[in-house]
Amino acid sequence: MNNTPRFTSKLAAILTMIGVSVGLGNVWRFPYMMGQNGGSAFLFIYLIFTLLFAVPALVSELALGRETRKGPLGAFTSIFGVRIGKWVGYLLLLTVLVADSYYLVVIGNVAFSAYFSLAEGFSSDTNEAYQQGLNNGGLQLLITFVILLLSLLIIRLGLKRGIERVSKVLVPFFLIVIIYLTVQTLNLEGVGEQLSTFIRPDISAITIDVIFAGLGQAFFSLGLGGTFLLLYGSYMKKDQEIVGVAISTGLGDMAAAVLASLFIIPAILVFNLDMTSGPSLLFNTLPELFSQMPMGRFSGSLFLLALTGIAFLSNIAALEVFANALREQNKVKISKNQIIWLLGGIEAVLIIPSALYPELIGHLDLIFGSGMQTFGSVISIIGLAWFVKRRRALLQVFGEQSKGKIPSIYFLLIKWVIPAILLLILISYIYSSIFS
């Protein structure tokens, strides 16, 4: 009998997967990507590609996970064979470990920002102290270690008592906060004119660069990569509908991205701040924004607390992937506690370079966040479409409704169209990293 844990309900599965998908990708990355890539043109491309390609890719990862009832290492070994599958699995596990090491540092930065907003508030008088704290490598390393320990505690509690419980609290809290802040922003004086100008459709702004950026964001935002969501697919019960869960997760993820943009972008425009500042938007532009907004200290604290929580869920998923691999490959029969401490020790060592040298984060993210994540998604989709029998794959996805036009179109997408698109994204990242 397979001992893989199961989600207690469809709602628990959806909330857990939304928690993984939203993370920092939507709130930190999406607004500055929108600001740098044509505004409404980027938003249009992102929404279209999320619905047409990213959600079907998510369906594939969930289906492959449930078909094999294993995490990435076990799943790829099952479908590709030991020789190839283990190398693919180990490569993706390395990707998860490295990506989570710098992701943990960013979460630590957000947690520090939340504390600073509560304790001091953002203003011209406190900005120097805030930047000093943010640039204090030792302090940020300590905060990151605390977050790592909390994450390991949640994983130790397991799927039902740990991951599900915190997801059921943190995801609704984040959505309530982001809706409240969006309403507050839309009530600012002059926001209507600024927003209408920014979101007015501009077809001429749709370039090849914008298309690739929107396409990459669609996959990055959902957390696709043949790791987290593949593992969570293995936790789904046989009677839980994969398509429904994937669509709900995709819609929740899109809603979070759009709401975050409706909160952040109009406010930045009203106060005439720099919207194209890129990755520094979260730690430079937003504190300045909160210092000028009405009730800015309260709003800033609330936002940063909610963001810390939702980012924490993505981090838990990353660590759970590696913990699952250690459990699956536990040939020397070490205990659950020993697995947790081993995982924590490995990750603690990997955290140190990014905490002490934060300039590394951008370079690591290009390789392990964008590039390898796309590679993992390609591999998982190819695995389902080419190495699992068509009938079994469609039964896993559609159940008794596995015959007809929609299943056939879906299979065509995952066998040919989506892998080709993902490979194009991957090639574009490699090209840009070499020649930009």
Protein backbone atom coordinates (compact mmCIF):
# COMPACT_ATOMS: atom_id res chain seq x y z
CA MET A 1 0.00 0.00 0.00
CA ASN A 2 1.28 3.50 -0.89
CA ASN A 3 1.97 5.58 2.26
CA THR A 4 1.98 8.96 0.51
CA PRO A 5 -0.13 11.42 2.56
CA ARG A 6 -3.36 12.85 1.11
CA PHE A 7 -5.01 16.26 1.22
CA THR A 8 -8.06 16.16 3.49
CA SER A 9 -10.29 18.01 0.99
CA LYS A 10 -10.38 19.77 -2.37
CA LEU A 11 -10.41 23.16 -0.58
CA ALA A 12 -7.30 22.21 1.40
CA ALA A 13 -5.56 21.21 -1.85
CA ILE A 14 -6.52 24.48 -3.58
CA LEU A 15 -5.45 26.72 -0.67
CA THR A 16 -2.15 24.86 -0.31
CA MET A 17 -1.40 25.15 -4.03
CA ILE A 18 -2.39 28.83 -4.16
CA GLY A 19 -0.01 29.37 -1.25
CA VAL A 20 2.81 27.77 -3.25
CA SER A 21 1.97 29.62 -6.46
CA VAL A 22 1.45 33.15 -5.17
CA GLY A 23 4.57 33.61 -3.04
CA LEU A 24 6.86 36.52 -3.89
CA GLY A 25 6.49 35.92 -7.63
CA ASN A 26 3.21 37.81 -7.89
CA VAL A 27 3.68 40.57 -5.36
CA TRP A 28 7.38 41.26 -5.75
CA ARG A 29 7.98 40.33 -9.39
CA PHE A 30 4.69 41.01 -11.19
CA PRO A 31 4.29 44.79 -10.57
CA TYR A 32 7.85 45.64 -11.61
CA MET A 33 7.63 43.32 -14.63
CA MET A 34 4.42 45.10 -15.62
CA GLY A 35 6.10 48.48 -15.13
CA GLN A 36 9.08 47.51 -17.29
CA ASN A 37 7.13 45.77 -20.07
CA GLY A 38 4.43 48.04 -21.38
CA GLY A 39 1.87 48.01 -18.56
CA SER A 40 -1.47 46.79 -19.90
CA ALA A 41 0.22 45.05 -22.85
CA PHE A 42 2.16 42.85 -20.42
CA LEU A 43 -0.96 42.22 -18.32
CA PHE A 44 -2.91 41.11 -21.40
CA ILE A 45 -0.17 38.71 -22.53
CA TYR A 46 0.23 37.31 -19.01
CA LEU A 47 -3.50 36.59 -18.57
CA ILE A 48 -3.84 34.94 -21.99
CA PHE A 49 -0.81 32.69 -21.57
CA THR A 50 -1.73 31.74 -18.01
CA LEU A 51 -5.12 30.46 -19.16
CA LEU A 52 -4.00 28.87 -22.44
CA PHE A 53 -0.66 27.33 -21.45
CA ALA A 54 0.31 27.65 -17.78
CA VAL A 55 -2.88 26.10 -16.36
CA PRO A 56 -2.69 23.07 -18.74
CA ALA A 57 0.97 22.70 -17.72
CA LEU A 58 -0.12 22.77 -14.07
CA VAL A 59 -2.67 20.04 -14.83
CA SER A 60 0.18 17.92 -16.25
CA GLU A 61 2.38 18.30 -13.19
CA LEU A 62 -0.47 17.41 -10.83
CA ALA A 63 -1.43 14.42 -13.00
CA LEU A 64 2.14 13.10 -13.16
CA GLY A 65 2.44 13.40 -9.39
CA ARG A 66 -0.80 11.54 -8.75
CA GLU A 67 -0.01 8.90 -11.40
CA THR A 68 3.32 8.00 -9.77
CA ARG A 69 2.41 8.86 -6.13
CA LYS A 70 5.99 10.11 -5.75
CA GLY A 71 7.98 13.32 -5.56
CA PRO A 72 10.25 14.53 -8.40
CA LEU A 73 13.07 12.04 -7.80
CA GLY A 74 10.77 9.02 -7.58
CA ALA A 75 8.43 10.20 -10.34
CA PHE A 76 11.13 10.80 -12.94
CA THR A 77 12.90 7.55 -12.03
CA SER A 78 9.59 5.70 -12.55
CA ILE A 79 8.88 7.11 -16.00
CA PHE A 80 12.38 7.64 -17.46
CA GLY A 81 14.13 4.70 -15.80
CA VAL A 82 16.85 4.77 -13.15
CA ARG A 83 19.70 5.87 -15.40
CA ILE A 84 18.10 9.07 -16.73
CA GLY A 85 15.38 9.64 -14.15
CA LYS A 86 17.70 9.86 -11.16
CA TRP A 87 19.94 12.41 -12.85
CA VAL A 88 16.93 14.55 -13.78
CA GLY A 89 15.54 14.20 -10.26
CA TYR A 90 18.83 15.09 -8.57
CA LEU A 91 19.29 18.10 -10.86
CA LEU A 92 15.83 19.43 -9.97
CA LEU A 93 16.43 18.77 -6.26
CA LEU A 94 19.65 20.77 -6.47
CA THR A 95 17.68 23.52 -8.20
CA VAL A 96 15.12 23.57 -5.39
CA LEU A 97 17.79 23.69 -2.67
CA VAL A 98 19.76 26.52 -4.27
CA ALA A 99 16.67 28.53 -5.26
CA ASP A 100 15.21 28.20 -1.77
CA SER A 101 18.48 29.30 -0.17
CA TYR A 102 18.27 32.78 -1.71
CA TYR A 103 14.46 32.82 -1.54
CA LEU A 104 14.77 32.36 2.24
CA VAL A 105 17.05 35.40 2.38
CA VAL A 106 14.47 37.51 0.52
CA ILE A 107 11.75 36.29 2.93
CA GLY A 108 14.05 37.35 5.77
CA ASN A 109 14.34 40.81 4.19
CA VAL A 110 10.54 41.04 3.94
CA ALA A 111 10.11 39.88 7.55
CA PHE A 112 12.63 42.51 8.71
CA SER A 113 10.77 45.15 6.70
CA ALA A 114 7.49 44.11 8.35
CA TYR A 115 9.07 44.42 11.80
CA PHE A 116 10.61 47.80 10.96
CA SER A 117 7.30 49.12 9.64
CA LEU A 118 5.56 48.07 12.87
CA ALA A 119 8.28 49.33 15.21
CA GLU A 120 9.50 52.50 13.49
CA GLY A 121 7.44 53.19 10.37
CA PHE A 122 8.88 54.36 7.04
CA SER A 123 9.82 58.03 6.75
CA SER A 124 12.72 60.21 5.66
CA ASP A 125 13.93 60.17 9.28
CA THR A 126 13.99 56.37 9.55
CA ASN A 127 15.10 55.47 6.03
CA GLU A 128 18.81 55.39 6.87
CA ALA A 129 18.24 53.03 9.82
CA TYR A 130 16.04 50.82 7.63
CA GLN A 131 18.66 50.54 4.89
CA GLN A 132 21.39 49.82 7.45
CA GLY A 133 19.34 46.96 8.90
CA LEU A 134 18.53 45.62 5.45
CA ASN A 135 22.21 45.67 4.48
CA ASN A 136 23.38 44.08 7.74
CA GLY A 137 24.36 40.60 6.52
CA GLY A 138 24.67 39.13 10.01
CA LEU A 139 21.23 40.36 11.07
CA GLN A 140 19.59 39.14 7.86
CA LEU A 141 21.33 35.76 8.26
CA LEU A 142 19.95 35.42 11.80
CA ILE A 143 16.40 36.27 10.65
CA THR A 144 16.71 33.79 7.78
CA PHE A 145 17.83 31.00 10.13
CA VAL A 146 14.76 31.64 12.33
CA ILE A 147 12.47 31.35 9.28
CA LEU A 148 14.25 28.14 8.25
CA LEU A 149 13.66 26.64 11.72
CA LEU A 150 9.96 27.56 11.61
CA SER A 151 9.70 25.96 8.15
CA LEU A 152 11.31 22.75 9.37
CA LEU A 153 8.86 22.65 12.30
CA ILE A 154 5.89 22.86 9.91
CA ILE A 155 7.33 20.07 7.74
CA ARG A 156 7.93 17.95 10.85
CA LEU A 157 4.22 18.26 11.70
CA GLY A 158 3.34 16.76 8.29
CA LEU A 159 0.80 17.53 5.58
CA LYS A 160 -2.42 17.65 7.62
CA ARG A 161 -1.23 19.10 10.95
CA GLY A 162 1.41 21.38 9.41
CA ILE A 163 1.23 22.43 5.76
CA GLU A 164 -2.57 22.35 5.40
CA ARG A 165 -3.19 24.21 8.65
CA VAL A 166 -0.87 27.13 7.96
CA SER A 167 -2.13 27.36 4.34
CA LYS A 168 -5.75 27.60 5.55
CA VAL A 169 -4.77 30.60 7.70
CA LEU A 170 -2.17 32.45 5.63
CA VAL A 171 -3.79 32.29 2.17
CA PRO A 172 -7.17 33.83 3.23
CA PHE A 173 -5.30 36.41 5.37
CA PHE A 174 -3.18 37.45 2.38
CA LEU A 175 -6.20 37.72 0.06
CA ILE A 176 -8.17 39.80 2.60
CA VAL A 177 -5.21 42.15 3.11
CA ILE A 178 -4.54 42.61 -0.61
CA ILE A 179 -8.23 43.31 -1.32
CA TYR A 180 -8.34 45.87 1.52
CA LEU A 181 -5.18 47.62 0.26
CA THR A 182 -6.47 47.65 -3.32
CA VAL A 183 -9.70 49.36 -2.20
CA GLN A 184 -7.67 51.85 -0.16
CA THR A 185 -5.45 52.67 -3.15
CA LEU A 186 -8.38 53.08 -5.54
CA ASN A 187 -9.82 55.70 -3.16
CA LEU A 188 -6.71 57.91 -3.40
CA GLU A 189 -7.28 61.31 -5.00
CA GLY A 190 -6.31 61.33 -8.68
CA VAL A 191 -5.89 57.57 -8.94
CA GLY A 192 -8.63 57.12 -11.54
CA GLU A 193 -6.94 59.24 -14.19
CA GLN A 194 -3.51 57.70 -13.58
CA LEU A 195 -4.87 54.16 -13.65
CA SER A 196 -6.97 54.63 -16.79
CA THR A 197 -3.95 56.02 -18.63
CA PHE A 198 -1.74 53.15 -17.51
CA ILE A 199 -4.12 50.28 -18.29
CA ARG A 200 -5.44 51.68 -21.58
CA PRO A 201 -4.74 48.96 -24.19
CA ASP A 202 -1.72 49.80 -26.33
CA ILE A 203 -1.27 47.18 -29.04
CA SER A 204 1.91 48.86 -30.28
CA ALA A 205 3.57 48.05 -26.93
CA ILE A 206 3.28 44.30 -27.59
CA THR A 207 6.76 43.33 -28.75
CA ILE A 208 8.66 40.04 -28.80
CA ASP A 209 10.30 41.03 -25.51
CA VAL A 210 6.92 41.72 -23.89
CA ILE A 211 5.53 38.40 -25.16
CA PHE A 212 8.47 36.45 -23.71
CA ALA A 213 8.26 38.40 -20.45
CA GLY A 214 4.53 37.70 -20.10
CA LEU A 215 4.98 34.06 -21.01
CA GLY A 216 7.82 33.61 -18.54
CA GLN A 217 5.83 35.32 -15.79
CA ALA A 218 2.84 33.02 -16.38
CA PHE A 219 4.95 29.93 -15.66
CA PHE A 220 7.11 31.55 -12.96
CA SER A 221 4.04 32.89 -11.16
CA LEU A 222 2.30 29.51 -10.89
CA GLY A 223 5.42 27.86 -9.48
CA LEU A 224 5.73 25.36 -12.33
CA GLY A 225 8.98 23.45 -12.56
CA GLY A 226 8.39 19.74 -11.99
CA THR A 227 8.94 20.00 -8.23
CA PHE A 228 6.49 21.57 -5.72
CA LEU A 229 3.27 21.04 -7.62
CA LEU A 230 4.25 17.61 -8.90
CA LEU A 231 4.78 16.57 -5.26
CA TYR A 232 1.48 18.12 -4.17
CA GLY A 233 -0.20 16.29 -7.05
CA SER A 234 0.96 13.04 -5.44
CA TYR A 235 -0.91 14.12 -2.28
CA MET A 236 -4.25 14.45 -4.12
CA LYS A 237 -6.91 11.81 -3.53
CA LYS A 238 -8.02 9.70 -6.47
CA ASP A 239 -11.48 11.30 -6.53
CA GLN A 240 -10.24 14.91 -6.35
CA GLU A 241 -10.68 16.61 -9.71
CA ILE A 242 -7.32 17.74 -11.08
CA VAL A 243 -8.70 20.14 -13.71
CA GLY A 244 -10.90 21.93 -11.18
CA VAL A 245 -8.05 22.27 -8.68
CA ALA A 246 -5.69 23.55 -11.41
CA ILE A 247 -8.19 26.13 -12.71
CA SER A 248 -8.97 27.34 -9.18
CA THR A 249 -5.25 27.61 -8.42
CA GLY A 250 -4.62 29.50 -11.67
CA LEU A 251 -7.50 31.92 -11.06
CA GLY A 252 -6.40 32.51 -7.46
CA ASP A 253 -2.85 33.14 -8.62
CA MET A 254 -3.99 35.57 -11.33
CA ALA A 255 -6.28 37.38 -8.88
CA ALA A 256 -3.38 37.85 -6.46
CA ALA A 257 -1.15 39.23 -9.23
CA VAL A 258 -3.80 41.64 -10.56
CA LEU A 259 -4.83 42.83 -7.08
CA ALA A 260 -1.20 43.38 -6.08
CA SER A 261 -0.73 45.47 -9.22
CA LEU A 262 -3.94 47.45 -8.61
CA PHE A 263 -2.68 48.22 -5.11
CA ILE A 264 0.95 49.02 -5.94
CA ILE A 265 1.00 50.58 -9.42
CA PRO A 266 -1.72 53.28 -9.10
CA ALA A 267 -0.29 54.40 -5.75
CA ILE A 268 3.20 54.68 -7.25
CA LEU A 269 1.80 56.74 -10.14
CA VAL A 270 -0.18 59.06 -7.83
CA PHE A 271 2.87 59.82 -5.70
CA ASN A 272 5.11 60.09 -8.77
CA LEU A 273 7.56 57.38 -7.72
CA ASP A 274 9.76 55.15 -9.90
CA MET A 275 7.75 52.19 -11.18
CA THR A 276 10.52 50.81 -13.40
CA SER A 277 13.01 50.28 -10.57
CA GLY A 278 12.94 46.52 -11.12
CA PRO A 279 13.63 44.03 -8.32
CA SER A 280 14.44 46.87 -5.89
CA LEU A 281 10.81 48.03 -6.05
CA LEU A 282 9.85 46.06 -2.93
CA PHE A 283 12.63 47.34 -0.67
CA ASN A 284 13.21 50.86 -2.04
CA THR A 285 10.10 52.19 -3.78
CA LEU A 286 7.41 50.67 -1.54
CA PRO A 287 8.82 52.00 1.77
CA GLU A 288 8.83 55.45 0.19
CA LEU A 289 5.25 54.85 -0.97
CA PHE A 290 4.08 53.86 2.53
CA SER A 291 5.76 56.94 4.00
CA GLN A 292 3.51 59.13 1.81
CA MET A 293 0.22 57.19 1.89
CA PRO A 294 -2.57 57.98 4.36
CA MET A 295 -2.36 55.39 7.18
CA GLY A 296 0.87 54.27 5.51
CA ARG A 297 2.40 52.74 8.62
CA PHE A 298 -0.64 50.54 9.22
CA SER A 299 -0.99 49.62 5.54
CA GLY A 300 2.72 48.92 5.15
CA SER A 301 2.86 46.71 8.22
CA LEU A 302 -0.24 44.77 7.17
CA PHE A 303 1.04 44.28 3.62
CA LEU A 304 4.52 43.14 4.63
CA LEU A 305 3.17 40.73 7.27
CA ALA A 306 0.81 39.17 4.71
CA LEU A 307 3.62 38.99 2.15
CA THR A 308 5.94 37.29 4.65
CA GLY A 309 3.24 34.69 5.33
CA ILE A 310 2.47 33.89 1.70
CA ALA A 311 6.19 33.71 0.81
CA PHE A 312 6.68 31.38 3.79
CA LEU A 313 4.29 28.86 2.17
CA SER A 314 6.39 28.67 -1.01
CA ASN A 315 9.47 28.09 1.10
CA ILE A 316 7.74 25.26 2.98
CA ALA A 317 6.87 23.61 -0.35
CA ALA A 318 10.50 23.79 -1.49
CA LEU A 319 11.79 22.18 1.70
CA GLU A 320 9.02 19.55 1.60
CA VAL A 321 10.20 18.50 -1.89
CA PHE A 322 13.67 17.74 -0.57
CA ALA A 323 12.37 16.13 2.63
CA ASN A 324 10.18 13.88 0.47
CA ALA A 325 13.22 12.82 -1.59
CA LEU A 326 15.14 11.94 1.58
CA ARG A 327 12.18 9.88 2.81
CA GLU A 328 11.84 8.06 -0.54
CA GLN A 329 15.56 7.28 -0.75
CA ASN A 330 15.95 6.44 2.95
CA LYS A 331 17.98 3.25 2.47
CA VAL A 332 19.82 3.57 5.79
CA LYS A 333 16.52 4.06 7.65
CA ILE A 334 17.28 7.34 9.41
CA SER A 335 14.46 8.79 11.52
CA LYS A 336 12.07 11.57 10.53
CA ASN A 337 13.78 13.97 12.95
CA GLN A 338 17.19 13.12 11.49
CA ILE A 339 15.87 13.83 7.98
CA ILE A 340 14.61 17.25 9.13
CA TRP A 341 17.92 18.14 10.80
CA LEU A 342 19.91 16.95 7.77
CA LEU A 343 17.77 19.08 5.47
CA GLY A 344 18.10 22.08 7.79
CA GLY A 345 21.87 21.71 7.98
CA ILE A 346 22.29 21.56 4.19
CA GLU A 347 20.05 24.57 3.62
CA ALA A 348 21.66 26.59 6.43
CA VAL A 349 25.05 26.28 4.72
CA LEU A 350 23.60 27.25 1.32
CA ILE A 351 21.90 30.34 2.79
CA ILE A 352 25.15 31.98 3.94
CA PRO A 353 26.49 33.27 0.55
CA SER A 354 23.21 34.99 -0.43
CA ALA A 355 22.75 36.51 3.04
CA LEU A 356 26.27 37.95 3.16
CA TYR A 357 26.50 38.82 -0.56
CA PRO A 358 22.95 39.75 -1.68
CA GLU A 359 24.20 40.79 -5.12
CA LEU A 360 24.42 37.04 -5.87
CA ILE A 361 20.63 36.67 -5.69
CA GLY A 362 19.92 38.18 -9.12
CA HIS A 363 22.45 35.89 -10.83
CA LEU A 364 21.25 32.78 -8.99
CA ASP A 365 17.62 33.60 -9.76
CA LEU A 366 18.30 33.82 -13.49
CA ILE A 367 19.85 30.33 -13.51
CA PHE A 368 17.96 28.41 -10.84
CA GLY A 369 14.71 30.40 -10.68
CA SER A 370 13.87 31.20 -14.28
CA GLY A 371 16.00 28.84 -16.38
CA MET A 372 15.93 25.61 -14.37
CA GLN A 373 12.30 26.11 -13.38
CA THR A 374 11.35 26.21 -17.05
CA PHE A 375 13.50 23.14 -17.73
CA GLY A 376 11.76 21.21 -14.93
CA SER A 377 8.34 22.09 -16.30
CA VAL A 378 9.35 20.91 -19.80
CA ILE A 379 10.60 17.60 -18.38
CA SER A 380 7.44 16.93 -16.35
CA ILE A 381 5.12 17.71 -19.28
CA ILE A 382 7.17 15.53 -21.64
CA GLY A 383 7.13 12.80 -19.00
CA LEU A 384 3.32 12.73 -18.87
CA ALA A 385 2.69 13.17 -22.61
CA TRP A 386 5.42 10.90 -23.98
CA PHE A 387 6.22 8.34 -21.28
CA VAL A 388 2.81 7.64 -19.74
CA LYS A 389 0.27 5.90 -21.96
CA ARG A 390 -2.19 8.36 -23.51
CA ARG A 391 -5.21 6.57 -22.05
CA ARG A 392 -3.75 6.53 -18.53
CA ALA A 393 -2.70 10.18 -18.72
CA LEU A 394 -6.15 11.33 -19.86
CA LEU A 395 -7.89 9.13 -17.28
CA GLN A 396 -5.75 10.73 -14.58
CA VAL A 397 -6.70 14.22 -15.77
CA PHE A 398 -10.32 13.85 -16.89
CA GLY A 399 -11.50 10.67 -15.19
CA GLU A 400 -14.59 9.21 -16.86
CA GLN A 401 -14.74 12.20 -19.25
CA SER A 402 -11.42 11.26 -20.88
CA LYS A 403 -12.85 10.84 -24.39
CA GLY A 404 -13.87 13.65 -26.72
CA LYS A 405 -12.55 16.87 -28.22
CA ILE A 406 -11.41 18.66 -25.05
CA PRO A 407 -9.17 15.80 -23.82
CA SER A 408 -7.75 15.42 -27.35
CA ILE A 409 -6.97 19.14 -27.61
CA TYR A 410 -5.40 19.09 -24.16
CA PHE A 411 -3.17 16.14 -25.08
CA LEU A 412 -2.09 17.92 -28.28
CA LEU A 413 -1.16 20.97 -26.20
CA ILE A 414 0.96 19.07 -23.68
CA LYS A 415 2.60 16.81 -26.25
CA TRP A 416 3.67 19.44 -28.77
CA VAL A 417 2.62 23.06 -28.17
CA ILE A 418 3.49 23.70 -24.51
CA PRO A 419 6.91 21.95 -24.56
CA ALA A 420 7.85 23.97 -27.66
CA ILE A 421 6.78 27.23 -25.98
CA LEU A 422 8.65 26.41 -22.79
CA LEU A 423 11.79 25.54 -24.74
CA LEU A 424 11.54 28.92 -26.47
CA ILE A 425 11.35 30.64 -23.07
CA LEU A 426 14.33 28.63 -21.86
CA ILE A 427 16.39 29.49 -24.94
CA SER A 428 15.46 33.16 -24.57
CA TYR A 429 16.68 33.17 -20.95
CA ILE A 430 19.97 31.53 -21.96
CA TYR A 431 20.39 34.00 -24.83
CA SER A 432 19.63 37.02 -22.65
CA SER A 433 21.99 35.85 -19.89
CA ILE A 434 24.86 35.53 -22.39
CA PHE A 435 24.32 38.58 -24.61
CA SER A 436 22.48 41.13 -22.45
